[in-house]
């Protein structure tokens, strides 16, 4: 993932990240179906999608942690 894409993830809201994560999971599901039927053209795309999903989940976790700290100090 390029630095510009990483910055985009950092700037997105939790709702946008959840939506994007849902879309990536749907895409990975479709690619797995293609893989099962031996029609997958780019097997490396699965790896890329898994990593992108992990980045999104990490950012969501950071946002949740940040929100919990703000609530506790209030």
PDB file of N, CA and C in Angstrom:
ATOM      1  N   UNK A   1       0.844  -1.168   0.000  1.00  0.00           N
ATOM      2  CA  UNK A   1       0.000   0.000   0.000  1.00  0.00           C
ATOM      3  C   UNK A   1       0.894   1.237   0.000  1.00  0.00           C
ATOM      4  N   UNK A   2       0.541   2.179  -0.799  1.00  0.00           N
ATOM      5  CA  UNK A   2       1.328   3.401  -0.918  1.00  0.00           C
ATOM      6  C   UNK A   2       1.082   4.309   0.271  1.00  0.00           C
ATOM      7  N   UNK A   3       2.017   5.225   0.484  1.00  0.00           N
ATOM      8  CA  UNK A   3       1.887   6.153   1.595  1.00  0.00           C
ATOM      9  C   UNK A   3       0.633   7.006   1.480  1.00  0.00           C
ATOM     10  N   UNK A   4       0.272   7.383   0.267  1.00  0.00           N
ATOM     11  CA  UNK A   4      -0.932   8.201   0.092  1.00  0.00           C
ATOM     12  C   UNK A   4      -2.164   7.418   0.519  1.00  0.00           C
ATOM     13  N   UNK A   5      -2.206   6.120   0.233  1.00  0.00           N
ATOM     14  CA  UNK A   5      -3.345   5.303   0.635  1.00  0.00           C
ATOM     15  C   UNK A   5      -3.378   5.145   2.155  1.00  0.00           C
ATOM     16  N   UNK A   6      -2.229   5.046   2.775  1.00  0.00           N
ATOM     17  CA  UNK A   6      -2.175   4.955   4.234  1.00  0.00           C
ATOM     18  C   UNK A   6      -2.682   6.239   4.867  1.00  0.00           C
ATOM     19  N   UNK A   7      -2.329   7.363   4.279  1.00  0.00           N
ATOM     20  CA  UNK A   7      -2.813   8.640   4.795  1.00  0.00           C
ATOM     21  C   UNK A   7      -4.318   8.736   4.668  1.00  0.00           C
ATOM     22  N   UNK A   8      -4.849   8.218   3.563  1.00  0.00           N
ATOM     23  CA  UNK A   8      -6.296   8.240   3.360  1.00  0.00           C
ATOM     24  C   UNK A   8      -7.001   7.449   4.448  1.00  0.00           C
ATOM     25  N   UNK A   9      -6.436   6.313   4.827  1.00  0.00           N
ATOM     26  CA  UNK A   9      -7.034   5.508   5.897  1.00  0.00           C
ATOM     27  C   UNK A   9      -7.007   6.284   7.208  1.00  0.00           C
ATOM     28  N   UNK A  10      -5.916   6.977   7.471  1.00  0.00           N
ATOM     29  CA  UNK A  10      -5.800   7.744   8.711  1.00  0.00           C
ATOM     30  C   UNK A  10      -6.813   8.878   8.775  1.00  0.00           C
ATOM     31  N   UNK A  11      -7.181   9.413   7.629  1.00  0.00           N
ATOM     32  CA  UNK A  11      -8.075  10.570   7.588  1.00  0.00           C
ATOM     33  C   UNK A  11      -9.558  10.196   7.568  1.00  0.00           C
ATOM     34  N   UNK A  12      -9.879   8.946   7.298  1.00  0.00           N
ATOM     35  CA  UNK A  12     -11.283   8.540   7.177  1.00  0.00           C
ATOM     36  C   UNK A  12     -11.928   8.383   8.552  1.00  0.00           C
ATOM     37  N   UNK A  13     -13.245   8.554   8.561  1.00  0.00           N
ATOM     38  CA  UNK A  13     -14.007   8.364   9.786  1.00  0.00           C
ATOM     39  C   UNK A  13     -14.264   6.877  10.003  1.00  0.00           C
ATOM     40  N   UNK A  14     -14.733   6.549  11.194  1.00  0.00           N
ATOM     41  CA  UNK A  14     -15.014   5.152  11.518  1.00  0.00           C
ATOM     42  C   UNK A  14     -16.079   4.574  10.585  1.00  0.00           C
ATOM     43  N   UNK A  15     -17.107   5.353  10.281  1.00  0.00           N
ATOM     44  CA  UNK A  15     -18.172   4.869   9.396  1.00  0.00           C
ATOM     45  C   UNK A  15     -17.632   4.572   7.994  1.00  0.00           C
ATOM     46  N   UNK A  16     -16.769   5.440   7.506  1.00  0.00           N
ATOM     47  CA  UNK A  16     -16.180   5.219   6.172  1.00  0.00           C
ATOM     48  C   UNK A  16     -15.295   3.977   6.183  1.00  0.00           C
ATOM     49  N   UNK A  17     -14.543   3.784   7.259  1.00  0.00           N
ATOM     50  CA  UNK A  17     -13.674   2.617   7.353  1.00  0.00           C
ATOM     51  C   UNK A  17     -14.490   1.330   7.427  1.00  0.00           C
ATOM     52  N   UNK A  18     -15.581   1.354   8.175  1.00  0.00           N
ATOM     53  CA  UNK A  18     -16.441   0.170   8.251  1.00  0.00           C
ATOM     54  C   UNK A  18     -17.007  -0.178   6.879  1.00  0.00           C
ATOM     55  N   UNK A  19     -17.431   0.831   6.151  1.00  0.00           N
ATOM     56  CA  UNK A  19     -17.975   0.620   4.821  1.00  0.00           C
ATOM     57  C   UNK A  19     -16.920   0.039   3.883  1.00  0.00           C
ATOM     58  N   UNK A  20     -15.735   0.610   3.919  1.00  0.00           N
ATOM     59  CA  UNK A  20     -14.666   0.122   3.052  1.00  0.00           C
ATOM     60  C   UNK A  20     -14.262  -1.303   3.423  1.00  0.00           C
ATOM     61  N   UNK A  21     -14.218  -1.592   4.710  1.00  0.00           N
ATOM     62  CA  UNK A  21     -13.896  -2.946   5.158  1.00  0.00           C
ATOM     63  C   UNK A  21     -14.912  -3.952   4.662  1.00  0.00           C
ATOM     64  N   UNK A  22     -16.186  -3.565   4.706  1.00  0.00           N
ATOM     65  CA  UNK A  22     -17.257  -4.427   4.205  1.00  0.00           C
ATOM     66  C   UNK A  22     -17.070  -4.702   2.713  1.00  0.00           C
ATOM     67  N   UNK A  23     -16.744  -3.660   1.965  1.00  0.00           N
ATOM     68  CA  UNK A  23     -16.540  -3.820   0.518  1.00  0.00           C
ATOM     69  C   UNK A  23     -15.351  -4.730   0.222  1.00  0.00           C
ATOM     70  N   UNK A  24     -14.269  -4.575   0.983  1.00  0.00           N
ATOM     71  CA  UNK A  24     -13.090  -5.412   0.759  1.00  0.00           C
ATOM     72  C   UNK A  24     -13.377  -6.866   1.106  1.00  0.00           C
ATOM     73  N   UNK A  25     -14.144  -7.083   2.164  1.00  0.00           N
ATOM     74  CA  UNK A  25     -14.496  -8.455   2.524  1.00  0.00           C
ATOM     75  C   UNK A  25     -15.358  -9.107   1.437  1.00  0.00           C
ATOM     76  N   UNK A  26     -16.243  -8.330   0.856  1.00  0.00           N
ATOM     77  CA  UNK A  26     -17.071  -8.856  -0.234  1.00  0.00           C
ATOM     78  C   UNK A  26     -16.196  -9.211  -1.439  1.00  0.00           C
ATOM     79  N   UNK A  27     -15.231  -8.356  -1.722  1.00  0.00           N
ATOM     80  CA  UNK A  27     -14.328  -8.622  -2.847  1.00  0.00           C
ATOM     81  C   UNK A  27     -13.485  -9.871  -2.594  1.00  0.00           C
ATOM     82  N   UNK A  28     -12.988 -10.031  -1.373  1.00  0.00           N
ATOM     83  CA  UNK A  28     -12.169 -11.207  -1.070  1.00  0.00           C
ATOM     84  C   UNK A  28     -13.020 -12.482  -1.154  1.00  0.00           C
ATOM     85  N   UNK A  29     -14.284 -12.384  -0.759  1.00  0.00           N
ATOM     86  CA  UNK A  29     -15.198 -13.527  -0.889  1.00  0.00           C
ATOM     87  C   UNK A  29     -15.339 -13.921  -2.355  1.00  0.00           C
ATOM     88  N   UNK A  30     -15.557 -12.939  -3.210  1.00  0.00           N
ATOM     89  CA  UNK A  30     -15.704 -13.214  -4.641  1.00  0.00           C
ATOM     90  C   UNK A  30     -14.432 -13.815  -5.232  1.00  0.00           C
ATOM     91  N   UNK A  31     -13.276 -13.321  -4.787  1.00  0.00           N
ATOM     92  CA  UNK A  31     -12.017 -13.871  -5.290  1.00  0.00           C
ATOM     93  C   UNK A  31     -11.809 -15.306  -4.817  1.00  0.00           C
ATOM     94  N   UNK A  32     -12.241 -15.603  -3.618  1.00  0.00           N
ATOM     95  CA  UNK A  32     -12.119 -16.976  -3.125  1.00  0.00           C
ATOM     96  C   UNK A  32     -13.002 -17.925  -3.929  1.00  0.00           C
ATOM     97  N   UNK A  33     -14.168 -17.445  -4.331  1.00  0.00           N
ATOM     98  CA  UNK A  33     -15.026 -18.268  -5.194  1.00  0.00           C
ATOM     99  C   UNK A  33     -14.336 -18.533  -6.532  1.00  0.00           C
ATOM    100  N   UNK A  34     -13.710 -17.499  -7.073  1.00  0.00           N
ATOM    101  CA  UNK A  34     -12.979 -17.674  -8.333  1.00  0.00           C
ATOM    102  C   UNK A  34     -11.818 -18.642  -8.149  1.00  0.00           C
ATOM    103  N   UNK A  35     -11.153 -18.557  -7.014  1.00  0.00           N
ATOM    104  CA  UNK A  35     -10.026 -19.446  -6.747  1.00  0.00           C
ATOM    105  C   UNK A  35     -10.489 -20.899  -6.656  1.00  0.00           C
ATOM    106  N   UNK A  36     -11.628 -21.105  -6.038  1.00  0.00           N
ATOM    107  CA  UNK A  36     -12.158 -22.460  -5.898  1.00  0.00           C
ATOM    108  C   UNK A  36     -12.520 -23.066  -7.246  1.00  0.00           C
ATOM    109  N   UNK A  37     -12.938 -22.224  -8.183  1.00  0.00           N
ATOM    110  CA  UNK A  37     -13.297 -22.730  -9.507  1.00  0.00           C
ATOM    111  C   UNK A  37     -12.156 -22.587 -10.508  1.00  0.00           C
ATOM    112  N   UNK A  38     -10.952 -22.311  -9.999  1.00  0.00           N
ATOM    113  CA  UNK A  38      -9.731 -22.209 -10.820  1.00  0.00           C
ATOM    114  C   UNK A  38      -9.831 -21.114 -11.882  1.00  0.00           C
ATOM    115  N   UNK A  39     -10.492 -20.009 -11.561  1.00  0.00           N
ATOM    116  CA  UNK A  39     -10.612 -18.901 -12.506  1.00  0.00           C
ATOM    117  C   UNK A  39      -9.905 -17.643 -12.023  1.00  0.00           C
ATOM    118  N   UNK A  40      -9.182 -17.742 -10.924  1.00  0.00           N
ATOM    119  CA  UNK A  40      -8.533 -16.578 -10.339  1.00  0.00           C
ATOM    120  C   UNK A  40      -7.306 -16.196 -11.167  1.00  0.00           C
ATOM    121  N   UNK A  41      -7.295 -14.956 -11.665  1.00  0.00           N
ATOM    122  CA  UNK A  41      -6.200 -14.499 -12.516  1.00  0.00           C
ATOM    123  C   UNK A  41      -5.045 -13.909 -11.708  1.00  0.00           C
ATOM    124  N   UNK A  42      -5.363 -13.220 -10.613  1.00  0.00           N
ATOM    125  CA  UNK A  42      -4.324 -12.567  -9.820  1.00  0.00           C
ATOM    126  C   UNK A  42      -4.384 -13.056  -8.375  1.00  0.00           C
ATOM    127  N   UNK A  43      -3.699 -14.144  -8.069  1.00  0.00           N
ATOM    128  CA  UNK A  43      -3.753 -14.671  -6.704  1.00  0.00           C
ATOM    129  C   UNK A  43      -3.127 -13.723  -5.671  1.00  0.00           C
ATOM    130  N   UNK A  44      -2.246 -12.871  -6.094  1.00  0.00           N
ATOM    131  CA  UNK A  44      -1.635 -11.907  -5.186  1.00  0.00           C
ATOM    132  C   UNK A  44      -2.613 -10.884  -4.656  1.00  0.00           C
ATOM    133  N   UNK A  45      -3.724 -10.718  -5.343  1.00  0.00           N
ATOM    134  CA  UNK A  45      -4.754  -9.760  -4.914  1.00  0.00           C
ATOM    135  C   UNK A  45      -5.369 -10.175  -3.577  1.00  0.00           C
ATOM    136  N   UNK A  46      -5.477 -11.484  -3.332  1.00  0.00           N
ATOM    137  CA  UNK A  46      -5.996 -11.965  -2.055  1.00  0.00           C
ATOM    138  C   UNK A  46      -5.132 -11.483  -0.897  1.00  0.00           C
ATOM    139  N   UNK A  47      -3.850 -11.591  -1.069  1.00  0.00           N
ATOM    140  CA  UNK A  47      -2.908 -11.157  -0.031  1.00  0.00           C
ATOM    141  C   UNK A  47      -3.025  -9.653   0.208  1.00  0.00           C
ATOM    142  N   UNK A  48      -3.106  -8.903  -0.860  1.00  0.00           N
ATOM    143  CA  UNK A  48      -3.239  -7.452  -0.756  1.00  0.00           C
ATOM    144  C   UNK A  48      -4.519  -7.067  -0.021  1.00  0.00           C
ATOM    145  N   UNK A  49      -5.608  -7.727  -0.349  1.00  0.00           N
ATOM    146  CA  UNK A  49      -6.880  -7.434   0.305  1.00  0.00           C
ATOM    147  C   UNK A  49      -6.835  -7.769   1.787  1.00  0.00           C
ATOM    148  N   UNK A  50      -6.244  -8.905   2.129  1.00  0.00           N
ATOM    149  CA  UNK A  50      -6.139  -9.268   3.548  1.00  0.00           C
ATOM    150  C   UNK A  50      -5.359  -8.217   4.320  1.00  0.00           C
ATOM    151  N   UNK A  51      -4.298  -7.735   3.733  1.00  0.00           N
ATOM    152  CA  UNK A  51      -3.484  -6.712   4.403  1.00  0.00           C
ATOM    153  C   UNK A  51      -4.225  -5.378   4.505  1.00  0.00           C
ATOM    154  N   UNK A  52      -4.951  -5.024   3.471  1.00  0.00           N
ATOM    155  CA  UNK A  52      -5.745  -3.788   3.516  1.00  0.00           C
ATOM    156  C   UNK A  52      -6.808  -3.865   4.604  1.00  0.00           C
ATOM    157  N   UNK A  53      -7.453  -5.028   4.717  1.00  0.00           N
ATOM    158  CA  UNK A  53      -8.461  -5.216   5.764  1.00  0.00           C
ATOM    159  C   UNK A  53      -7.809  -5.096   7.142  1.00  0.00           C
ATOM    160  N   UNK A  54      -6.632  -5.655   7.292  1.00  0.00           N
ATOM    161  CA  UNK A  54      -5.926  -5.565   8.575  1.00  0.00           C
ATOM    162  C   UNK A  54      -5.583  -4.113   8.903  1.00  0.00           C
ATOM    163  N   UNK A  55      -5.179  -3.347   7.914  1.00  0.00           N
ATOM    164  CA  UNK A  55      -4.880  -1.929   8.146  1.00  0.00           C
ATOM    165  C   UNK A  55      -6.122  -1.167   8.598  1.00  0.00           C
ATOM    166  N   UNK A  56      -7.238  -1.466   7.965  1.00  0.00           N
ATOM    167  CA  UNK A  56      -8.489  -0.803   8.322  1.00  0.00           C
ATOM    168  C   UNK A  56      -8.904  -1.194   9.740  1.00  0.00           C
ATOM    169  N   UNK A  57      -8.813  -2.478  10.061  1.00  0.00           N
ATOM    170  CA  UNK A  57      -9.172  -2.933  11.403  1.00  0.00           C
ATOM    171  C   UNK A  57      -8.261  -2.323  12.462  1.00  0.00           C
ATOM    172  N   UNK A  58      -6.987  -2.181  12.135  1.00  0.00           N
ATOM    173  CA  UNK A  58      -6.049  -1.552  13.063  1.00  0.00           C
ATOM    174  C   UNK A  58      -6.437  -0.109  13.317  1.00  0.00           C
ATOM    175  N   UNK A  59      -6.777   0.606  12.277  1.00  0.00           N
ATOM    176  CA  UNK A  59      -7.179   2.009  12.427  1.00  0.00           C
ATOM    177  C   UNK A  59      -8.480   2.121  13.224  1.00  0.00           C
ATOM    178  N   UNK A  60      -9.427   1.228  12.988  1.00  0.00           N
ATOM    179  CA  UNK A  60     -10.670   1.236  13.747  1.00  0.00           C
ATOM    180  C   UNK A  60     -10.391   0.986  15.233  1.00  0.00           C
ATOM    181  N   UNK A  61      -9.490   0.082  15.503  1.00  0.00           N
ATOM    182  CA  UNK A  61      -9.113  -0.201  16.885  1.00  0.00           C
ATOM    183  C   UNK A  61      -8.476   1.027  17.535  1.00  0.00           C
ATOM    184  N   UNK A  62      -7.632   1.711  16.795  1.00  0.00           N
ATOM    185  CA  UNK A  62      -7.007   2.936  17.310  1.00  0.00           C
ATOM    186  C   UNK A  62      -8.060   3.989  17.626  1.00  0.00           C
ATOM    187  N   UNK A  63      -9.040   4.135  16.746  1.00  0.00           N
ATOM    188  CA  UNK A  63     -10.101   5.114  16.967  1.00  0.00           C
ATOM    189  C   UNK A  63     -10.939   4.756  18.190  1.00  0.00           C
ATOM    190  N   UNK A  64     -11.248   3.468  18.343  1.00  0.00           N
ATOM    191  CA  UNK A  64     -12.025   3.038  19.509  1.00  0.00           C
ATOM    192  C   UNK A  64     -11.249   3.296  20.799  1.00  0.00           C
ATOM    193  N   UNK A  65      -9.978   2.968  20.783  1.00  0.00           N
ATOM    194  CA  UNK A  65      -9.129   3.169  21.956  1.00  0.00           C
ATOM    195  C   UNK A  65      -9.044   4.653  22.311  1.00  0.00           C
ATOM    196  N   UNK A  66      -8.905   5.472  21.300  1.00  0.00           N
ATOM    197  CA  UNK A  66      -8.827   6.920  21.502  1.00  0.00           C
ATOM    198  C   UNK A  66     -10.131   7.441  22.117  1.00  0.00           C
ATOM    199  N   UNK A  67     -11.267   6.974  21.601  1.00  0.00           N
ATOM    200  CA  UNK A  67     -12.565   7.396  22.126  1.00  0.00           C
ATOM    201  C   UNK A  67     -12.773   6.932  23.569  1.00  0.00           C
ATOM    202  N   UNK A  68     -12.303   5.739  23.902  1.00  0.00           N
ATOM    203  CA  UNK A  68     -12.435   5.251  25.266  1.00  0.00           C
ATOM    204  C   UNK A  68     -11.589   6.077  26.227  1.00  0.00           C
ATOM    205  N   UNK A  69     -10.411   6.476  25.810  1.00  0.00           N
ATOM    206  CA  UNK A  69      -9.550   7.296  26.669  1.00  0.00           C
ATOM    207  C   UNK A  69     -10.162   8.674  26.896  1.00  0.00           C
ATOM    208  N   UNK A  70     -10.767   9.241  25.884  1.00  0.00           N
ATOM    209  CA  UNK A  70     -11.402  10.546  26.011  1.00  0.00           C
ATOM    210  C   UNK A  70     -12.561  10.473  26.994  1.00  0.00           C
ATOM    211  N   UNK A  71     -13.359   9.402  26.920  1.00  0.00           N
ATOM    212  CA  UNK A  71     -14.512   9.247  27.806  1.00  0.00           C
ATOM    213  C   UNK A  71     -14.076   9.038  29.256  1.00  0.00           C
ATOM    214  N   UNK A  72     -12.967   8.319  29.467  1.00  0.00           N
ATOM    215  CA  UNK A  72     -12.500   8.029  30.815  1.00  0.00           C
ATOM    216  C   UNK A  72     -11.934   9.268  31.492  1.00  0.00           C
ATOM    217  N   UNK A  73     -11.307  10.158  30.747  1.00  0.00           N
ATOM    218  CA  UNK A  73     -10.705  11.336  31.339  1.00  0.00           C
ATOM    219  C   UNK A  73     -11.730  12.433  31.581  1.00  0.00           C
ATOM    220  N   UNK A  74     -12.881  12.334  30.971  1.00  0.00           N
ATOM    221  CA  UNK A  74     -13.928  13.357  31.134  1.00  0.00           C
ATOM    222  C   UNK A  74     -14.609  13.247  32.475  1.00  0.00           C
TER     223      UNK A  74
END
